Amino acid sequence: MYEQVIGDGANLFIIIVAVLVGFVAALGYIDAQKTKKEDNRPQ
């Protein structure tokens, strides 16, 4: 019982970290795409 509670907490923590990392990676990707578009714009 006790081990299962700790396991669930660890799994939840890992899921939250994975979602945050994915969110940050997505924001970085979107920002890179915007920067790339602006660089290609004719002056």
Protein backbone atom coordinates (compact mmCIF):
# COMPACT_ATOMS: atom_id res chain seq x y z
CA MET A 1 0.00 0.00 0.00
CA TYR A 2 2.65 2.51 1.07
CA GLU A 3 4.90 1.69 -1.89
CA GLN A 4 1.96 2.14 -4.28
CA VAL A 5 1.23 5.64 -2.95
CA ILE A 6 4.86 6.66 -3.45
CA GLY A 7 4.81 5.09 -6.93
CA ASP A 8 1.69 7.05 -7.92
CA GLY A 9 3.24 10.29 -6.68
CA ALA A 10 6.41 9.63 -8.65
CA ASN A 11 4.43 8.79 -11.78
CA LEU A 12 2.38 11.98 -11.43
CA PHE A 13 5.57 14.01 -10.93
CA ILE A 14 7.17 12.46 -14.04
CA ILE A 15 4.03 13.16 -16.10
CA ILE A 16 3.92 16.80 -14.95
CA VAL A 17 7.63 17.28 -15.76
CA ALA A 18 7.19 15.64 -19.17
CA VAL A 19 4.23 17.92 -20.00
CA LEU A 20 6.16 21.03 -18.94
CA VAL A 21 9.21 19.99 -20.99
CA GLY A 22 6.98 19.36 -24.01
CA PHE A 23 5.30 22.74 -23.57
CA VAL A 24 8.63 24.57 -23.36
CA ALA A 25 9.92 22.67 -26.40
CA ALA A 26 6.78 23.60 -28.36
CA LEU A 27 7.14 27.28 -27.43
CA GLY A 28 10.78 27.21 -28.49
CA TYR A 29 9.85 25.58 -31.80
CA ILE A 30 7.12 28.15 -32.51
CA ASP A 31 9.49 30.99 -31.64
CA ALA A 32 12.16 29.54 -33.95
CA GLN A 33 9.63 29.32 -36.80
CA LYS A 34 8.55 32.95 -36.29
CA THR A 35 12.17 34.10 -36.26
CA LYS A 36 12.89 32.12 -39.41
CA LYS A 37 9.91 33.71 -41.20
CA GLU A 38 11.00 37.22 -40.18
CA ASP A 39 14.55 36.57 -41.40
CA ASN A 40 13.27 35.52 -44.84
CA ARG A 41 11.12 38.64 -45.25
CA PRO A 42 12.50 40.94 -47.96
CA GLN A 43 13.88 44.20 -46.66
